[in-house]
C-alpha atoms as a PDB file:
ATOM      1  CA  MET A   1       0.000   0.000   0.000  1.00  0.00           C
ATOM      2  CA  SER A   2       1.313   3.357  -0.988  1.00  0.00           C
ATOM      3  CA  CYS A   3       1.098   6.663   0.832  1.00  0.00           C
ATOM      4  CA  SER A   4       1.112   8.778  -2.284  1.00  0.00           C
ATOM      5  CA  PHE A   5      -1.957  10.698  -1.134  1.00  0.00           C
ATOM      6  CA  LEU A   6       0.321  12.435   1.364  1.00  0.00           C
ATOM      7  CA  LEU A   7       2.195  14.053  -1.505  1.00  0.00           C
ATOM      8  CA  ILE A   8      -0.850  15.938  -2.744  1.00  0.00           C
ATOM      9  CA  PRO A   9      -0.405  19.611  -1.917  1.00  0.00           C
ATOM     10  CA  THR A  10      -3.059  21.059   0.340  1.00  0.00           C
ATOM     11  CA  LYS A  11      -2.293  24.671  -0.451  1.00  0.00           C
ATOM     12  CA  PHE A  12      -2.162  25.599  -4.095  1.00  0.00           C
ATOM     13  CA  PRO A  13      -0.367  28.685  -5.382  1.00  0.00           C
ATOM     14  CA  THR A  14      -2.623  31.478  -6.559  1.00  0.00           C
ATOM     15  CA  LEU A  15      -2.183  33.822  -9.453  1.00  0.00           C
ATOM     16  CA  ASN A  16      -2.412  37.389  -8.288  1.00  0.00           C
ATOM     17  CA  ILE A  17      -3.498  38.956 -11.558  1.00  0.00           C
ATOM     18  CA  HIS A  18      -5.743  41.958 -11.175  1.00  0.00           C
ATOM     19  CA  TYR A  19      -7.797  43.598 -13.879  1.00  0.00           C
ATOM     20  CA  LYS A  20      -5.675  46.737 -13.488  1.00  0.00           C
ATOM     21  CA  ASP A  21      -2.618  44.753 -14.540  1.00  0.00           C
ATOM     22  CA  LEU A  22      -4.429  43.490 -17.628  1.00  0.00           C
ATOM     23  CA  ALA A  23      -5.614  46.975 -18.553  1.00  0.00           C
ATOM     24  CA  ASP A  24      -2.056  48.256 -18.690  1.00  0.00           C
ATOM     25  CA  ILE A  25      -1.261  45.930 -21.561  1.00  0.00           C
ATOM     26  CA  ALA A  26      -4.192  47.015 -23.776  1.00  0.00           C
ATOM     27  CA  PRO A  27      -1.970  48.920 -26.271  1.00  0.00           C
ATOM     28  CA  VAL A  28       0.418  45.973 -26.560  1.00  0.00           C
ATOM     29  CA  THR A  29      -2.554  43.658 -26.998  1.00  0.00           C
ATOM     30  CA  SER A  30      -3.887  45.817 -29.826  1.00  0.00           C
ATOM     31  CA  ALA A  31      -0.571  45.819 -31.642  1.00  0.00           C
ATOM     32  CA  ALA A  32       0.155  42.111 -31.186  1.00  0.00           C
ATOM     33  CA  TYR A  33      -3.382  40.986 -32.029  1.00  0.00           C
ATOM     34  CA  GLY A  34      -3.412  43.176 -35.145  1.00  0.00           C
ATOM     35  CA  VAL A  35      -0.107  41.727 -36.332  1.00  0.00           C
ATOM     36  CA  ILE A  36      -1.353  38.181 -35.702  1.00  0.00           C
ATOM     37  CA  LEU A  37      -4.559  38.828 -37.650  1.00  0.00           C
ATOM     38  CA  LEU A  38      -2.657  40.401 -40.529  1.00  0.00           C
ATOM     39  CA  GLY A  39      -0.087  37.604 -40.615  1.00  0.00           C
ATOM     40  CA  GLY A  40      -2.791  34.944 -40.486  1.00  0.00           C
ATOM     41  CA  GLY A  41      -4.740  36.567 -43.290  1.00  0.00           C
ATOM     42  CA  LEU A  42      -1.662  36.876 -45.480  1.00  0.00           C
ATOM     43  CA  PHE A  43      -0.612  33.311 -44.726  1.00  0.00           C
ATOM     44  CA  ALA A  44      -4.057  31.909 -45.571  1.00  0.00           C
ATOM     45  CA  PHE A  45      -4.149  33.919 -48.784  1.00  0.00           C
ATOM     46  CA  SER A  46      -0.711  32.701 -49.850  1.00  0.00           C
ATOM     47  CA  LYS A  47      -1.512  29.050 -49.045  1.00  0.00           C
ATOM     48  CA  SER A  48      -5.045  28.743 -50.364  1.00  0.00           C
ATOM     49  CA  GLY A  49      -5.828  31.976 -52.182  1.00  0.00           C
ATOM     50  CA  SER A  50      -8.585  32.820 -49.691  1.00  0.00           C
ATOM     51  CA  LYS A  51      -9.654  36.391 -50.354  1.00  0.00           C
ATOM     52  CA  GLY A  52     -11.924  36.303 -47.297  1.00  0.00           C
ATOM     53  CA  SER A  53      -8.949  35.564 -45.056  1.00  0.00           C
ATOM     54  CA  LEU A  54      -6.959  38.354 -46.679  1.00  0.00           C
ATOM     55  CA  PHE A  55      -9.838  40.805 -46.208  1.00  0.00           C
ATOM     56  CA  GLY A  56     -10.334  39.679 -42.608  1.00  0.00           C
ATOM     57  CA  GLY A  57      -6.641  39.998 -41.818  1.00  0.00           C
ATOM     58  CA  LEU A  58      -6.407  43.471 -43.330  1.00  0.00           C
ATOM     59  CA  THR A  59      -9.596  44.591 -41.602  1.00  0.00           C
ATOM     60  CA  GLY A  60      -8.468  43.209 -38.253  1.00  0.00           C
ATOM     61  CA  ALA A  61      -5.072  44.876 -38.555  1.00  0.00           C
ATOM     62  CA  ALA A  62      -6.673  48.213 -39.458  1.00  0.00           C
ATOM     63  CA  LEU A  63      -9.150  48.045 -36.556  1.00  0.00           C
ATOM     64  CA  MET A  64      -6.474  47.053 -34.051  1.00  0.00           C
ATOM     65  CA  GLY A  65      -4.121  49.731 -35.386  1.00  0.00           C
ATOM     66  CA  ALA A  66      -6.823  52.355 -34.902  1.00  0.00           C
ATOM     67  CA  ALA A  67      -7.523  51.034 -31.397  1.00  0.00           C
ATOM     68  CA  PHE A  68      -3.799  51.164 -30.619  1.00  0.00           C
ATOM     69  CA  PHE A  69      -3.506  54.830 -31.558  1.00  0.00           C
ATOM     70  CA  LEU A  70      -6.753  55.796 -29.817  1.00  0.00           C
ATOM     71  CA  ILE A  71      -5.693  54.102 -26.574  1.00  0.00           C
ATOM     72  CA  GLN A  72      -2.519  56.210 -26.448  1.00  0.00           C
ATOM     73  CA  SER A  73      -4.379  59.457 -25.692  1.00  0.00           C
ATOM     74  CA  PRO A  74      -6.295  59.900 -22.420  1.00  0.00           C
ATOM     75  CA  GLU A  75      -9.086  61.768 -24.256  1.00  0.00           C
ATOM     76  CA  THR A  76      -9.742  58.915 -26.685  1.00  0.00           C
ATOM     77  CA  LYS A  77      -8.765  55.937 -24.501  1.00  0.00           C
ATOM     78  CA  ALA A  78     -12.389  54.902 -23.898  1.00  0.00           C
ATOM     79  CA  ILE A  79     -13.093  54.967 -27.642  1.00  0.00           C
ATOM     80  CA  GLY A  80      -9.965  52.886 -28.301  1.00  0.00           C
ATOM     81  CA  ASP A  81     -10.949  50.359 -25.654  1.00  0.00           C
ATOM     82  CA  SER A  82     -14.439  50.143 -27.136  1.00  0.00           C
ATOM     83  CA  LEU A  83     -13.081  49.708 -30.656  1.00  0.00           C
ATOM     84  CA  GLY A  84     -10.683  47.008 -29.482  1.00  0.00           C
ATOM     85  CA  PHE A  85     -13.421  45.213 -27.567  1.00  0.00           C
ATOM     86  CA  GLY A  86     -15.855  45.354 -30.490  1.00  0.00           C
ATOM     87  CA  SER A  87     -13.240  44.108 -32.925  1.00  0.00           C
ATOM     88  CA  ALA A  88     -12.120  41.279 -30.656  1.00  0.00           C
ATOM     89  CA  PHE A  89     -15.776  40.324 -30.102  1.00  0.00           C
ATOM     90  CA  LEU A  90     -16.391  40.330 -33.860  1.00  0.00           C
ATOM     91  CA  PHE A  91     -13.379  38.143 -34.562  1.00  0.00           C
ATOM     92  CA  SER A  92     -14.108  35.763 -31.691  1.00  0.00           C
ATOM     93  CA  SER A  93     -17.591  35.318 -33.157  1.00  0.00           C
ATOM     94  CA  VAL A  94     -16.158  34.670 -36.615  1.00  0.00           C
ATOM     95  CA  PHE A  95     -13.570  32.211 -35.339  1.00  0.00           C
ATOM     96  CA  GLY A  96     -16.130  30.496 -33.106  1.00  0.00           C
ATOM     97  CA  ILE A  97     -18.459  29.957 -36.057  1.00  0.00           C
ATOM     98  CA  ARG A  98     -15.544  28.808 -38.179  1.00  0.00           C
ATOM     99  CA  LEU A  99     -14.446  26.344 -35.487  1.00  0.00           C
ATOM    100  CA  ALA A 100     -17.971  24.954 -35.211  1.00  0.00           C
ATOM    101  CA  ALA A 101     -18.204  24.574 -38.985  1.00  0.00           C
ATOM    102  CA  THR A 102     -14.804  22.987 -39.638  1.00  0.00           C
ATOM    103  CA  GLN A 103     -14.153  21.187 -36.326  1.00  0.00           C
ATOM    104  CA  LYS A 104     -10.453  22.033 -36.810  1.00  0.00           C
ATOM    105  CA  LEU A 105      -8.643  23.314 -33.768  1.00  0.00           C
ATOM    106  CA  ILE A 106      -5.952  24.970 -35.855  1.00  0.00           C
ATOM    107  CA  PRO A 107      -6.213  27.770 -36.930  1.00  0.00           C
ATOM    108  CA  SER A 108      -9.784  28.561 -35.828  1.00  0.00           C
ATOM    109  CA  GLY A 109      -9.540  27.295 -32.255  1.00  0.00           C
ATOM    110  CA  LEU A 110      -6.199  28.981 -31.667  1.00  0.00           C
ATOM    111  CA  LEU A 111      -7.443  32.299 -33.018  1.00  0.00           C
ATOM    112  CA  LEU A 112     -10.638  31.955 -30.984  1.00  0.00           C
ATOM    113  CA  GLY A 113      -8.540  31.546 -27.844  1.00  0.00           C
ATOM    114  CA  LEU A 114      -6.458  34.607 -28.716  1.00  0.00           C
ATOM    115  CA  SER A 115      -9.613  36.602 -29.400  1.00  0.00           C
ATOM    116  CA  ILE A 116     -11.083  35.667 -26.027  1.00  0.00           C
ATOM    117  CA  CYS A 117      -7.850  36.708 -24.315  1.00  0.00           C
ATOM    118  CA  ALA A 118      -7.995  40.060 -26.127  1.00  0.00           C
ATOM    119  CA  LEU A 119     -11.612  40.432 -24.986  1.00  0.00           C
ATOM    120  CA  ALA A 120     -10.525  39.918 -21.380  1.00  0.00           C
ATOM    121  CA  VAL A 121      -7.902  42.636 -21.706  1.00  0.00           C
ATOM    122  CA  TYR A 122     -10.374  45.131 -23.170  1.00  0.00           C
ATOM    123  CA  ILE A 123     -12.982  44.348 -20.510  1.00  0.00           C
ATOM    124  CA  ALA A 124     -10.340  44.956 -17.841  1.00  0.00           C
ATOM    125  CA  ALA A 125      -9.326  48.218 -19.508  1.00  0.00           C
ATOM    126  CA  TYR A 126     -12.932  49.353 -19.598  1.00  0.00           C
ATOM    127  CA  LEU A 127     -13.432  48.479 -15.939  1.00  0.00           C
ATOM    128  CA  GLN A 128     -10.297  50.363 -14.975  1.00  0.00           C
ATOM    129  CA  ASP A 129     -11.401  53.449 -16.907  1.00  0.00           C
ATOM    130  CA  SER A 130     -14.956  53.455 -15.627  1.00  0.00           C
ATOM    131  CA  LEU A 131     -14.355  52.683 -11.954  1.00  0.00           C
END
Protein backbone atom coordinates (compact mmCIF):
# COMPACT_ATOMS: atom_id res chain seq x y z
CA MET A 1 0.00 0.00 0.00
CA SER A 2 1.31 3.36 -0.99
CA CYS A 3 1.10 6.66 0.83
CA SER A 4 1.11 8.78 -2.28
CA PHE A 5 -1.96 10.70 -1.13
CA LEU A 6 0.32 12.43 1.36
CA LEU A 7 2.20 14.05 -1.51
CA ILE A 8 -0.85 15.94 -2.74
CA PRO A 9 -0.41 19.61 -1.92
CA THR A 10 -3.06 21.06 0.34
CA LYS A 11 -2.29 24.67 -0.45
CA PHE A 12 -2.16 25.60 -4.09
CA PRO A 13 -0.37 28.68 -5.38
CA THR A 14 -2.62 31.48 -6.56
CA LEU A 15 -2.18 33.82 -9.45
CA ASN A 16 -2.41 37.39 -8.29
CA ILE A 17 -3.50 38.96 -11.56
CA HIS A 18 -5.74 41.96 -11.17
CA TYR A 19 -7.80 43.60 -13.88
CA LYS A 20 -5.67 46.74 -13.49
CA ASP A 21 -2.62 44.75 -14.54
CA LEU A 22 -4.43 43.49 -17.63
CA ALA A 23 -5.61 46.98 -18.55
CA ASP A 24 -2.06 48.26 -18.69
CA ILE A 25 -1.26 45.93 -21.56
CA ALA A 26 -4.19 47.02 -23.78
CA PRO A 27 -1.97 48.92 -26.27
CA VAL A 28 0.42 45.97 -26.56
CA THR A 29 -2.55 43.66 -27.00
CA SER A 30 -3.89 45.82 -29.83
CA ALA A 31 -0.57 45.82 -31.64
CA ALA A 32 0.16 42.11 -31.19
CA TYR A 33 -3.38 40.99 -32.03
CA GLY A 34 -3.41 43.18 -35.14
CA VAL A 35 -0.11 41.73 -36.33
CA ILE A 36 -1.35 38.18 -35.70
CA LEU A 37 -4.56 38.83 -37.65
CA LEU A 38 -2.66 40.40 -40.53
CA GLY A 39 -0.09 37.60 -40.62
CA GLY A 40 -2.79 34.94 -40.49
CA GLY A 41 -4.74 36.57 -43.29
CA LEU A 42 -1.66 36.88 -45.48
CA PHE A 43 -0.61 33.31 -44.73
CA ALA A 44 -4.06 31.91 -45.57
CA PHE A 45 -4.15 33.92 -48.78
CA SER A 46 -0.71 32.70 -49.85
CA LYS A 47 -1.51 29.05 -49.04
CA SER A 48 -5.04 28.74 -50.36
CA GLY A 49 -5.83 31.98 -52.18
CA SER A 50 -8.58 32.82 -49.69
CA LYS A 51 -9.65 36.39 -50.35
CA GLY A 52 -11.92 36.30 -47.30
CA SER A 53 -8.95 35.56 -45.06
CA LEU A 54 -6.96 38.35 -46.68
CA PHE A 55 -9.84 40.81 -46.21
CA GLY A 56 -10.33 39.68 -42.61
CA GLY A 57 -6.64 40.00 -41.82
CA LEU A 58 -6.41 43.47 -43.33
CA THR A 59 -9.60 44.59 -41.60
CA GLY A 60 -8.47 43.21 -38.25
CA ALA A 61 -5.07 44.88 -38.56
CA ALA A 62 -6.67 48.21 -39.46
CA LEU A 63 -9.15 48.05 -36.56
CA MET A 64 -6.47 47.05 -34.05
CA GLY A 65 -4.12 49.73 -35.39
CA ALA A 66 -6.82 52.36 -34.90
CA ALA A 67 -7.52 51.03 -31.40
CA PHE A 68 -3.80 51.16 -30.62
CA PHE A 69 -3.51 54.83 -31.56
CA LEU A 70 -6.75 55.80 -29.82
CA ILE A 71 -5.69 54.10 -26.57
CA GLN A 72 -2.52 56.21 -26.45
CA SER A 73 -4.38 59.46 -25.69
CA PRO A 74 -6.29 59.90 -22.42
CA GLU A 75 -9.09 61.77 -24.26
CA THR A 76 -9.74 58.92 -26.69
CA LYS A 77 -8.77 55.94 -24.50
CA ALA A 78 -12.39 54.90 -23.90
CA ILE A 79 -13.09 54.97 -27.64
CA GLY A 80 -9.97 52.89 -28.30
CA ASP A 81 -10.95 50.36 -25.65
CA SER A 82 -14.44 50.14 -27.14
CA LEU A 83 -13.08 49.71 -30.66
CA GLY A 84 -10.68 47.01 -29.48
CA PHE A 85 -13.42 45.21 -27.57
CA GLY A 86 -15.85 45.35 -30.49
CA SER A 87 -13.24 44.11 -32.92
CA ALA A 88 -12.12 41.28 -30.66
CA PHE A 89 -15.78 40.32 -30.10
CA LEU A 90 -16.39 40.33 -33.86
CA PHE A 91 -13.38 38.14 -34.56
CA SER A 92 -14.11 35.76 -31.69
CA SER A 93 -17.59 35.32 -33.16
CA VAL A 94 -16.16 34.67 -36.61
CA PHE A 95 -13.57 32.21 -35.34
CA GLY A 96 -16.13 30.50 -33.11
CA ILE A 97 -18.46 29.96 -36.06
CA ARG A 98 -15.54 28.81 -38.18
CA LEU A 99 -14.45 26.34 -35.49
CA ALA A 100 -17.97 24.95 -35.21
CA ALA A 101 -18.20 24.57 -38.98
CA THR A 102 -14.80 22.99 -39.64
CA GLN A 103 -14.15 21.19 -36.33
CA LYS A 104 -10.45 22.03 -36.81
CA LEU A 105 -8.64 23.31 -33.77
CA ILE A 106 -5.95 24.97 -35.85
CA PRO A 107 -6.21 27.77 -36.93
CA SER A 108 -9.78 28.56 -35.83
CA GLY A 109 -9.54 27.29 -32.26
CA LEU A 110 -6.20 28.98 -31.67
CA LEU A 111 -7.44 32.30 -33.02
CA LEU A 112 -10.64 31.95 -30.98
CA GLY A 113 -8.54 31.55 -27.84
CA LEU A 114 -6.46 34.61 -28.72
CA SER A 115 -9.61 36.60 -29.40
CA ILE A 116 -11.08 35.67 -26.03
CA CYS A 117 -7.85 36.71 -24.32
CA ALA A 118 -8.00 40.06 -26.13
CA LEU A 119 -11.61 40.43 -24.99
CA ALA A 120 -10.53 39.92 -21.38
CA VAL A 121 -7.90 42.64 -21.71
CA TYR A 122 -10.37 45.13 -23.17
CA ILE A 123 -12.98 44.35 -20.51
CA ALA A 124 -10.34 44.96 -17.84
CA ALA A 125 -9.33 48.22 -19.51
CA TYR A 126 -12.93 49.35 -19.60
CA LEU A 127 -13.43 48.48 -15.94
CA GLN A 128 -10.30 50.36 -14.98
CA ASP A 129 -11.40 53.45 -16.91
CA SER A 130 -14.96 53.45 -15.63
CA LEU A 131 -14.35 52.68 -11.95
